[in-house]
C-alpha atoms as a PDB file:
ATOM      1  CA  MET A   1     -28.309  -9.639  -4.620  1.00  0.00           C
ATOM      2  CA  GLY A   2     -28.909 -12.198  -1.989  1.00  0.00           C
ATOM      3  CA  SER A   3     -26.279 -13.936  -0.014  1.00  0.00           C
ATOM      4  CA  LEU A   4     -23.285 -12.237  -1.641  1.00  0.00           C
ATOM      5  CA  VAL A   5     -24.224  -8.706  -0.637  1.00  0.00           C
ATOM      6  CA  ARG A   6     -25.089  -9.911   2.838  1.00  0.00           C
ATOM      7  CA  SER A   7     -21.635 -11.511   2.974  1.00  0.00           C
ATOM      8  CA  ALA A   8     -19.951  -8.291   1.845  1.00  0.00           C
ATOM      9  CA  ILE A   9     -21.949  -6.281   4.350  1.00  0.00           C
ATOM     10  CA  GLY A  10     -20.930  -8.648   7.106  1.00  0.00           C
ATOM     11  CA  ARG A  11     -17.250  -8.216   6.306  1.00  0.00           C
ATOM     12  CA  THR A  12     -17.221  -4.434   5.828  1.00  0.00           C
ATOM     13  CA  GLY A  13     -19.836  -3.304   8.303  1.00  0.00           C
ATOM     14  CA  ILE A  14     -21.900  -1.478   5.594  1.00  0.00           C
ATOM     15  CA  LEU A  15     -25.760  -2.024   4.553  1.00  0.00           C
ATOM     16  CA  ARG A  16     -14.435  -6.870  -8.332  1.00  0.00           C
ATOM     17  CA  GLY A  17     -12.727  -7.678 -11.515  1.00  0.00           C
ATOM     18  CA  PHE A  18     -14.668  -6.856 -14.506  1.00  0.00           C
ATOM     19  CA  PRO A  19     -13.319  -9.355 -17.007  1.00  0.00           C
ATOM     20  CA  ARG A  20     -11.962  -8.439 -20.425  1.00  0.00           C
ATOM     21  CA  ILE A  21     -15.231  -9.595 -21.987  1.00  0.00           C
ATOM     22  CA  VAL A  22     -18.433  -8.889 -20.082  1.00  0.00           C
ATOM     23  CA  SER A  23     -21.263 -11.363 -20.356  1.00  0.00           C
ATOM     24  CA  ALA A  24     -24.899 -10.535 -19.783  1.00  0.00           C
ATOM     25  CA  SER A  25     -25.044 -12.921 -16.846  1.00  0.00           C
ATOM     26  CA  GLN A  26     -22.874 -10.578 -14.838  1.00  0.00           C
ATOM     27  CA  PHE A  27     -25.673  -8.036 -14.687  1.00  0.00           C
ATOM     28  CA  ALA A  28     -28.080 -10.526 -13.082  1.00  0.00           C
ATOM     29  CA  PRO A  29     -27.790 -11.443  -9.425  1.00  0.00           C
ATOM     30  CA  PHE A  30     -26.194 -14.824  -8.832  1.00  0.00           C
ATOM     31  CA  THR A  31     -28.372 -17.405  -7.160  1.00  0.00           C
ATOM     32  CA  SER A  32     -26.709 -19.872  -4.838  1.00  0.00           C
ATOM     33  CA  PRO A  33     -26.667 -22.715  -7.424  1.00  0.00           C
ATOM     34  CA  SER A  34     -25.390 -20.420 -10.218  1.00  0.00           C
ATOM     35  CA  ARG A  35     -22.763 -18.473  -8.304  1.00  0.00           C
ATOM     36  CA  PRO A  36     -19.316 -19.215  -9.786  1.00  0.00           C
ATOM     37  CA  PRO A  37     -16.808 -20.944  -7.539  1.00  0.00           C
ATOM     38  CA  PRO A  38     -14.039 -18.777  -6.062  1.00  0.00           C
ATOM     39  CA  ASN A  39     -10.918 -18.322  -8.177  1.00  0.00           C
ATOM     40  CA  TYR A  40      -8.589 -18.294  -5.175  1.00  0.00           C
ATOM     41  CA  GLU A  41      -8.753 -18.677  -1.414  1.00  0.00           C
ATOM     42  CA  GLY A  42     -11.034 -16.021   0.079  1.00  0.00           C
ATOM     43  CA  HIS A  43     -12.358 -14.832  -3.306  1.00  0.00           C
ATOM     44  CA  VAL A  44     -15.950 -13.587  -3.383  1.00  0.00           C
ATOM     45  CA  PRO A  45     -17.377 -13.376  -6.949  1.00  0.00           C
ATOM     46  CA  LEU A  46     -19.621 -10.349  -7.517  1.00  0.00           C
ATOM     47  CA  THR A  47     -22.102  -9.400 -10.214  1.00  0.00           C
ATOM     48  CA  ILE A  48     -21.831  -5.886 -11.629  1.00  0.00           C
ATOM     49  CA  PRO A  49     -24.806  -4.587  -9.574  1.00  0.00           C
ATOM     50  CA  GLU A  50     -23.344  -6.128  -6.427  1.00  0.00           C
ATOM     51  CA  ARG A  51     -19.975  -4.536  -7.173  1.00  0.00           C
ATOM     52  CA  GLY A  52     -21.616  -1.150  -7.725  1.00  0.00           C
ATOM     53  CA  LEU A  53     -23.514  -1.413  -4.442  1.00  0.00           C
ATOM     54  CA  LEU A  54     -20.337  -2.364  -2.610  1.00  0.00           C
ATOM     55  CA  ALA A  55     -18.469   0.572  -4.172  1.00  0.00           C
ATOM     56  CA  MET A  56     -21.152   3.112  -3.290  1.00  0.00           C
ATOM     57  CA  GLY A  57     -21.698   1.855   0.228  1.00  0.00           C
ATOM     58  CA  SER A  58     -18.019   1.615   1.107  1.00  0.00           C
ATOM     59  CA  ALA A  59     -17.336   5.057  -0.416  1.00  0.00           C
ATOM     60  CA  VAL A  60     -19.985   6.762   1.691  1.00  0.00           C
ATOM     61  CA  MET A  61     -19.129   4.962   4.902  1.00  0.00           C
ATOM     62  CA  SER A  62     -15.359   5.399   4.537  1.00  0.00           C
ATOM     63  CA  LEU A  63     -15.841   9.147   4.094  1.00  0.00           C
ATOM     64  CA  LEU A  64     -17.873   9.190   7.298  1.00  0.00           C
ATOM     65  CA  ASN A  65     -15.292   7.064   9.111  1.00  0.00           C
ATOM     66  CA  PRO A  66     -11.831   7.284   7.420  1.00  0.00           C
ATOM     67  CA  ARG A  67     -10.327   4.974  10.068  1.00  0.00           C
ATOM     68  CA  ARG A  68     -12.280   1.992   8.735  1.00  0.00           C
ATOM     69  CA  GLY A  69      -9.533   0.260   6.791  1.00  0.00           C
ATOM     70  CA  ASP A  70     -11.854  -2.574   5.771  1.00  0.00           C
ATOM     71  CA  LEU A  71     -14.186  -0.131   4.033  1.00  0.00           C
ATOM     72  CA  ILE A  72     -11.324   1.572   2.226  1.00  0.00           C
ATOM     73  CA  ALA A  73     -10.030  -1.831   1.131  1.00  0.00           C
ATOM     74  CA  ALA A  74     -13.458  -2.824  -0.216  1.00  0.00           C
ATOM     75  CA  LEU A  75     -13.731   0.508  -2.055  1.00  0.00           C
ATOM     76  CA  GLY A  76     -10.295  -0.002  -3.576  1.00  0.00           C
ATOM     77  CA  GLU A  77     -11.203  -3.423  -4.925  1.00  0.00           C
ATOM     78  CA  ALA A  78     -14.686  -2.502  -6.128  1.00  0.00           C
ATOM     79  CA  THR A  79     -13.427   0.476  -8.155  1.00  0.00           C
ATOM     80  CA  ALA A  80     -10.168  -1.008  -9.500  1.00  0.00           C
ATOM     81  CA  THR A  81     -11.901  -2.897 -12.308  1.00  0.00           C
ATOM     82  CA  PRO A  82     -12.513  -3.146 -15.212  1.00  0.00           C
ATOM     83  CA  TYR A  83      -9.488  -1.111 -16.296  1.00  0.00           C
ATOM     84  CA  PHE A  84      -7.209   0.073 -13.538  1.00  0.00           C
ATOM     85  CA  ILE A  85      -5.953  -3.107 -11.908  1.00  0.00           C
ATOM     86  CA  TYR A  86      -5.331  -4.662 -15.332  1.00  0.00           C
ATOM     87  CA  ARG A  87      -3.339  -1.570 -16.318  1.00  0.00           C
ATOM     88  CA  LEU A  88      -1.245  -1.847 -13.152  1.00  0.00           C
ATOM     89  CA  ARG A  89      -0.671  -5.554 -13.817  1.00  0.00           C
ATOM     90  CA  ASP A  90       0.492  -4.682 -17.338  1.00  0.00           C
ATOM     91  CA  VAL A  91       2.867  -2.082 -15.882  1.00  0.00           C
ATOM     92  CA  MET A  92       4.459  -4.880 -13.868  1.00  0.00           C
ATOM     93  CA  LEU A  93       4.612  -7.200 -16.870  1.00  0.00           C
ATOM     94  CA  SER A  94       6.459  -4.508 -18.837  1.00  0.00           C
ATOM     95  CA  SER A  95       9.243  -4.318 -16.233  1.00  0.00           C
ATOM     96  CA  PRO A  96      11.857  -7.027 -15.543  1.00  0.00           C
ATOM     97  CA  THR A  97      11.546  -6.343 -11.817  1.00  0.00           C
ATOM     98  CA  GLY A  98       7.757  -6.320 -12.014  1.00  0.00           C
ATOM     99  CA  ARG A  99       7.748  -9.659 -13.811  1.00  0.00           C
ATOM    100  CA  LYS A 100      10.052 -11.084 -11.149  1.00  0.00           C
ATOM    101  CA  ILE A 101       7.664  -9.919  -8.421  1.00  0.00           C
ATOM    102  CA  LEU A 102       4.719 -11.512 -10.235  1.00  0.00           C
ATOM    103  CA  LYS A 103       6.669 -14.747 -10.593  1.00  0.00           C
ATOM    104  CA  ASP A 104       7.887 -14.873  -6.978  1.00  0.00           C
ATOM    105  CA  ARG A 105       4.694 -13.420  -5.436  1.00  0.00           C
ATOM    106  CA  PRO A 106       6.382 -12.305  -2.199  1.00  0.00           C
ATOM    107  CA  ARG A 107       4.186 -11.288   0.720  1.00  0.00           C
ATOM    108  CA  ILE A 108       4.919  -8.596   3.296  1.00  0.00           C
ATOM    109  CA  ASN A 109       3.966  -9.600   6.819  1.00  0.00           C
ATOM    110  CA  SER A 110       5.543 -10.280  10.185  1.00  0.00           C
ATOM    111  CA  ALA A 111       6.557 -13.754   9.030  1.00  0.00           C
ATOM    112  CA  THR A 112       8.577 -12.414   6.093  1.00  0.00           C
ATOM    113  CA  MET A 113       9.818  -9.144   7.626  1.00  0.00           C
ATOM    114  CA  SER A 114      11.980  -9.418  10.744  1.00  0.00           C
ATOM    115  CA  MET A 115      11.306  -6.161  12.572  1.00  0.00           C
ATOM    116  CA  GLU A 116      14.267  -6.806  14.865  1.00  0.00           C
ATOM    117  CA  ARG A 117      16.585  -6.992  11.866  1.00  0.00           C
ATOM    118  CA  LEU A 118      15.057  -3.928  10.217  1.00  0.00           C
ATOM    119  CA  ARG A 119      15.475  -1.865  13.388  1.00  0.00           C
ATOM    120  CA  SER A 120      19.173  -2.824  13.463  1.00  0.00           C
ATOM    121  CA  LEU A 121      19.865  -1.511   9.953  1.00  0.00           C
ATOM    122  CA  PRO A 122      21.733   1.818   9.553  1.00  0.00           C
ATOM    123  CA  ASP A 123      19.775   5.054   9.736  1.00  0.00           C
ATOM    124  CA  GLY A 124      18.476   6.197   6.377  1.00  0.00           C
ATOM    125  CA  THR A 125      18.114   2.750   4.874  1.00  0.00           C
ATOM    126  CA  VAL A 126      14.797   1.647   3.424  1.00  0.00           C
ATOM    127  CA  GLY A 127      14.332  -1.110   5.992  1.00  0.00           C
ATOM    128  CA  ARG A 128      15.169   1.118   8.957  1.00  0.00           C
ATOM    129  CA  GLU A 129      12.820   3.877   7.779  1.00  0.00           C
ATOM    130  CA  TYR A 130      10.057   1.340   7.167  1.00  0.00           C
ATOM    131  CA  ALA A 131      10.435  -0.095  10.662  1.00  0.00           C
ATOM    132  CA  ALA A 132      10.532   3.398  12.168  1.00  0.00           C
ATOM    133  CA  TRP A 133       7.283   4.294  10.420  1.00  0.00           C
ATOM    134  CA  LEU A 134       5.526   1.179  11.693  1.00  0.00           C
ATOM    135  CA  ASP A 135       6.823   1.807  15.228  1.00  0.00           C
ATOM    136  CA  LYS A 136       5.612   5.411  15.200  1.00  0.00           C
ATOM    137  CA  GLU A 137       2.180   4.335  14.023  1.00  0.00           C
ATOM    138  CA  GLY A 138       2.052   1.398  16.441  1.00  0.00           C
ATOM    139  CA  VAL A 139       1.155  -1.087  13.711  1.00  0.00           C
ATOM    140  CA  SER A 140       2.655  -4.259  12.234  1.00  0.00           C
ATOM    141  CA  PRO A 141       3.025  -5.526   8.664  1.00  0.00           C
ATOM    142  CA  ASP A 142      -0.012  -7.740   9.289  1.00  0.00           C
ATOM    143  CA  THR A 143      -2.648  -4.995   9.217  1.00  0.00           C
ATOM    144  CA  ARG A 144      -3.459  -5.129   5.485  1.00  0.00           C
ATOM    145  CA  SER A 145      -6.740  -6.808   4.508  1.00  0.00           C
ATOM    146  CA  GLN A 146      -6.839  -9.810   2.223  1.00  0.00           C
ATOM    147  CA  VAL A 147      -8.102  -9.094  -1.296  1.00  0.00           C
ATOM    148  CA  ARG A 148     -11.518 -10.679  -1.911  1.00  0.00           C
ATOM    149  CA  TYR A 149     -13.445  -8.924  -4.668  1.00  0.00           C
ATOM    150  CA  ILE A 150     -11.068  -9.013  -7.675  1.00  0.00           C
ATOM    151  CA  ASP A 151     -11.824 -11.981  -9.921  1.00  0.00           C
ATOM    152  CA  ASP A 152      -8.523 -12.484 -11.739  1.00  0.00           C
ATOM    153  CA  PRO A 153      -6.022 -14.206  -9.390  1.00  0.00           C
ATOM    154  CA  GLU A 154      -2.988 -12.388 -10.808  1.00  0.00           C
ATOM    155  CA  CYS A 155      -4.698  -9.010 -10.569  1.00  0.00           C
ATOM    156  CA  ALA A 156      -5.783  -9.886  -7.038  1.00  0.00           C
ATOM    157  CA  TYR A 157      -2.128 -10.407  -6.168  1.00  0.00           C
ATOM    158  CA  VAL A 158      -1.239  -7.037  -7.738  1.00  0.00           C
ATOM    159  CA  MET A 159      -3.781  -5.333  -5.475  1.00  0.00           C
ATOM    160  CA  GLN A 160      -2.505  -7.283  -2.473  1.00  0.00           C
ATOM    161  CA  ARG A 161       1.065  -6.267  -3.308  1.00  0.00           C
ATOM    162  CA  TYR A 162       0.081  -2.607  -3.643  1.00  0.00           C
ATOM    163  CA  ARG A 163      -1.745  -2.766  -0.332  1.00  0.00           C
ATOM    164  CA  GLU A 164       1.076  -4.440   1.585  1.00  0.00           C
ATOM    165  CA  CYS A 165       3.656  -1.996   0.186  1.00  0.00           C
ATOM    166  CA  HIS A 166       1.800   1.104   1.396  1.00  0.00           C
ATOM    167  CA  ASP A 167       3.986   1.614   4.467  1.00  0.00           C
ATOM    168  CA  PHE A 168       7.094   1.397   2.285  1.00  0.00           C
ATOM    169  CA  TYR A 169       5.712   4.361   0.347  1.00  0.00           C
ATOM    170  CA  HIS A 170       5.808   6.341   3.582  1.00  0.00           C
ATOM    171  CA  ALA A 171       9.434   5.329   4.108  1.00  0.00           C
ATOM    172  CA  LEU A 172      10.301   6.211   0.509  1.00  0.00           C
ATOM    173  CA  THR A 173       8.615   9.595   0.272  1.00  0.00           C
ATOM    174  CA  GLY A 174       9.427  10.855   3.754  1.00  0.00           C
ATOM    175  CA  LEU A 175       6.157  12.760   3.950  1.00  0.00           C
ATOM    176  CA  PRO A 176       5.469  14.154   7.432  1.00  0.00           C
ATOM    177  CA  ILE A 177       3.433  12.140   9.899  1.00  0.00           C
ATOM    178  CA  VAL A 178       0.474  14.512   9.853  1.00  0.00           C
ATOM    179  CA  VAL A 179      -2.961  14.095   8.341  1.00  0.00           C
ATOM    180  CA  GLU A 180      -2.160  16.218   5.281  1.00  0.00           C
ATOM    181  CA  GLY A 181       0.936  14.082   4.748  1.00  0.00           C
ATOM    182  CA  GLU A 182      -1.206  10.938   4.573  1.00  0.00           C
ATOM    183  CA  ILE A 183      -3.595  12.575   2.096  1.00  0.00           C
ATOM    184  CA  ALA A 184      -0.625  13.782   0.045  1.00  0.00           C
ATOM    185  CA  LEU A 185       0.652  10.202  -0.106  1.00  0.00           C
ATOM    186  CA  LYS A 186      -2.701   9.137  -1.558  1.00  0.00           C
ATOM    187  CA  ALA A 187      -2.344  11.894  -4.169  1.00  0.00           C
ATOM    188  CA  PHE A 188       1.122  10.592  -5.015  1.00  0.00           C
ATOM    189  CA  GLU A 189      -0.196   7.021  -5.261  1.00  0.00           C
ATOM    190  CA  PHE A 190      -3.049   8.136  -7.519  1.00  0.00           C
ATOM    191  CA  ALA A 191      -0.723   9.925  -9.935  1.00  0.00           C
ATOM    192  CA  ASN A 192       1.662   6.965  -9.911  1.00  0.00           C
ATOM    193  CA  THR A 193      -0.764   4.009  -9.986  1.00  0.00           C
ATOM    194  CA  LEU A 194      -4.119   5.454 -11.148  1.00  0.00           C
ATOM    195  CA  ILE A 195      -5.973   3.305  -8.608  1.00  0.00           C
ATOM    196  CA  PRO A 196      -9.297   5.178  -8.240  1.00  0.00           C
ATOM    197  CA  MET A 197      -9.586   4.708  -4.478  1.00  0.00           C
ATOM    198  CA  THR A 198      -6.413   6.747  -3.953  1.00  0.00           C
ATOM    199  CA  GLY A 199      -7.884   9.593  -5.985  1.00  0.00           C
ATOM    200  CA  LEU A 200     -11.155   9.442  -4.063  1.00  0.00           C
ATOM    201  CA  SER A 201      -9.165   9.600  -0.817  1.00  0.00           C
ATOM    202  CA  MET A 202      -7.916  13.034  -1.827  1.00  0.00           C
ATOM    203  CA  PHE A 203     -11.396  14.430  -1.122  1.00  0.00           C
ATOM    204  CA  ALA A 204     -10.623  13.923   2.567  1.00  0.00           C
ATOM    205  CA  VAL A 205      -8.859  17.284   2.291  1.00  0.00           C
ATOM    206  CA  ALA A 206     -12.307  18.834   2.801  1.00  0.00           C
ATOM    207  CA  ARG A 207     -12.318  17.493   6.365  1.00  0.00           C
ATOM    208  CA  LEU A 208      -9.076  19.246   7.307  1.00  0.00           C
ATOM    209  CA  LYS A 209      -8.772  22.368   9.379  1.00  0.00           C
ATOM    210  CA  PRO A 210      -8.262  25.546   7.286  1.00  0.00           C
ATOM    211  CA  GLU A 211      -4.494  25.731   7.867  1.00  0.00           C
ATOM    212  CA  GLU A 212      -4.045  22.003   7.224  1.00  0.00           C
ATOM    213  CA  ARG A 213      -6.109  22.280   4.045  1.00  0.00           C
ATOM    214  CA  ARG A 214      -4.043  25.248   2.860  1.00  0.00           C
ATOM    215  CA  ARG A 215      -0.786  23.311   3.351  1.00  0.00           C
ATOM    216  CA  ALA A 216      -2.206  20.269   1.587  1.00  0.00           C
ATOM    217  CA  LEU A 217      -3.456  22.210  -1.439  1.00  0.00           C
ATOM    218  CA  THR A 218      -0.561  24.633  -1.857  1.00  0.00           C
ATOM    219  CA  THR A 219       2.433  22.608  -0.650  1.00  0.00           C
ATOM    220  CA  TYR A 220       1.889  18.863  -0.595  1.00  0.00           C
ATOM    221  CA  PHE A 221      -0.540  18.215  -3.467  1.00  0.00           C
ATOM    222  CA  PRO A 222       1.627  19.946  -6.119  1.00  0.00           C
ATOM    223  CA  TRP A 223       4.637  17.898  -4.979  1.00  0.00           C
ATOM    224  CA  ALA A 224       2.600  14.685  -4.869  1.00  0.00           C
ATOM    225  CA  ILE A 225       1.081  15.019  -8.347  1.00  0.00           C
ATOM    226  CA  ARG A 226       4.332  16.128  -9.980  1.00  0.00           C
ATOM    227  CA  ASN A 227       6.385  13.351  -8.429  1.00  0.00           C
ATOM    228  CA  GLY A 228       3.740  10.691  -8.887  1.00  0.00           C
ATOM    229  CA  LEU A 229       3.752  11.403 -12.615  1.00  0.00           C
ATOM    230  CA  GLN A 230       7.507  11.764 -13.086  1.00  0.00           C
ATOM    231  CA  ALA A 231       8.744   8.920 -10.857  1.00  0.00           C
ATOM    232  CA  LYS A 232       8.986   5.325 -12.018  1.00  0.00           C
ATOM    233  CA  GLU A 233       6.095   3.114 -10.931  1.00  0.00           C
ATOM    234  CA  VAL A 234       6.584   2.192  -7.288  1.00  0.00           C
ATOM    235  CA  ILE A 235       4.664  -1.062  -7.793  1.00  0.00           C
ATOM    236  CA  ASN A 236       7.805  -2.325  -9.560  1.00  0.00           C
ATOM    237  CA  ILE A 237      10.093  -1.848  -6.563  1.00  0.00           C
ATOM    238  CA  TYR A 238      11.138  -5.191  -5.080  1.00  0.00           C
ATOM    239  CA  TRP A 239      11.205  -3.889  -1.515  1.00  0.00           C
ATOM    240  CA  GLU A 240      12.559  -7.104  -0.053  1.00  0.00           C
ATOM    241  CA  GLU A 241      15.727  -6.574  -2.111  1.00  0.00           C
ATOM    242  CA  GLU A 242      16.057  -2.880  -1.200  1.00  0.00           C
ATOM    243  CA  LEU A 243      15.974  -3.054   2.591  1.00  0.00           C
ATOM    244  CA  GLU A 244      19.644  -2.085   2.949  1.00  0.00           C
ATOM    245  CA  THR A 245      19.497   0.559   0.214  1.00  0.00           C
ATOM    246  CA  ASP A 246      19.824   4.197   1.264  1.00  0.00           C
ATOM    247  CA  VAL A 247      16.461   5.940   0.839  1.00  0.00           C
ATOM    248  CA  LYS A 248      18.098   8.904  -0.891  1.00  0.00           C
ATOM    249  CA  GLU A 249      19.739   6.566  -3.407  1.00  0.00           C
ATOM    250  CA  LEU A 250      16.429   4.839  -4.138  1.00  0.00           C
ATOM    251  CA  ARG A 251      14.648   8.177  -4.576  1.00  0.00           C
ATOM    252  CA  LYS A 252      17.290   9.277  -7.058  1.00  0.00           C
ATOM    253  CA  ARG A 253      17.051   5.983  -8.963  1.00  0.00           C
ATOM    254  CA  ILE A 254      13.304   6.264  -9.512  1.00  0.00           C
ATOM    255  CA  GLY A 255      13.222  10.045 -10.039  1.00  0.00           C
ATOM    256  CA  LEU A 256      11.568  11.103  -6.773  1.00  0.00           C
ATOM    257  CA  GLU A 257      12.172  14.475  -5.157  1.00  0.00           C
ATOM    258  CA  LYS A 258      12.315  14.932  -1.400  1.00  0.00           C
ATOM    259  CA  PRO A 259       8.978  16.320  -0.193  1.00  0.00           C
ATOM    260  CA  PRO A 260       8.681  19.840   1.245  1.00  0.00           C
ATOM    261  CA  GLU A 261       9.185  20.243   4.973  1.00  0.00           C
END
């Protein structure tokens, strides 16, 4: 697996995708002369064995250390192909708003999101709730890793968009800022997007204290699965155009219930 696996290990700290038609060469390790050129800036082409190794290694290590965002990002990319990221891209193509997002390719970072402006918006608006969440967590919009292991450039953008919108999902759902709330958000994302990494993240419930686990399983998970399935796909929300929208109005528009207290 050579230089590629060593490169992936170097980036993640341990030891994407799958095209529509799979050729036999993808099962053989790339040598330096035969490795395909990157399809976009930062892209790292992987063979199927390399992708499998990356998925297994990042899965194990992220369970041992859930705070390693780079490992979780690598797991998300390694497991999103061959089907899931293409399905999510097709969901966007089937929606006028989704197609507009794919055409414009907006990015969410500190250069595109004025935190000062968002903090000045009225209480209850999407932008104000988003800024409040970031302030409570002590993070900025720049904390999301760059996609590297998805081969198709458009699908890579879809994964990047999903990743950068994660904190908006907190603002939208209003789930409590507790560990079971974060796991419940992953359950909601899994039901709504079918990205495998979000489903795998649900197993973190086993690490909770008994009372936290009881609340997650009996209160938050039922809400998350039901609403993830019934709500419109959140990947098709053009957040940059909804910053001044009341969160309650947006929930009603997409069919999302307020979570339990």
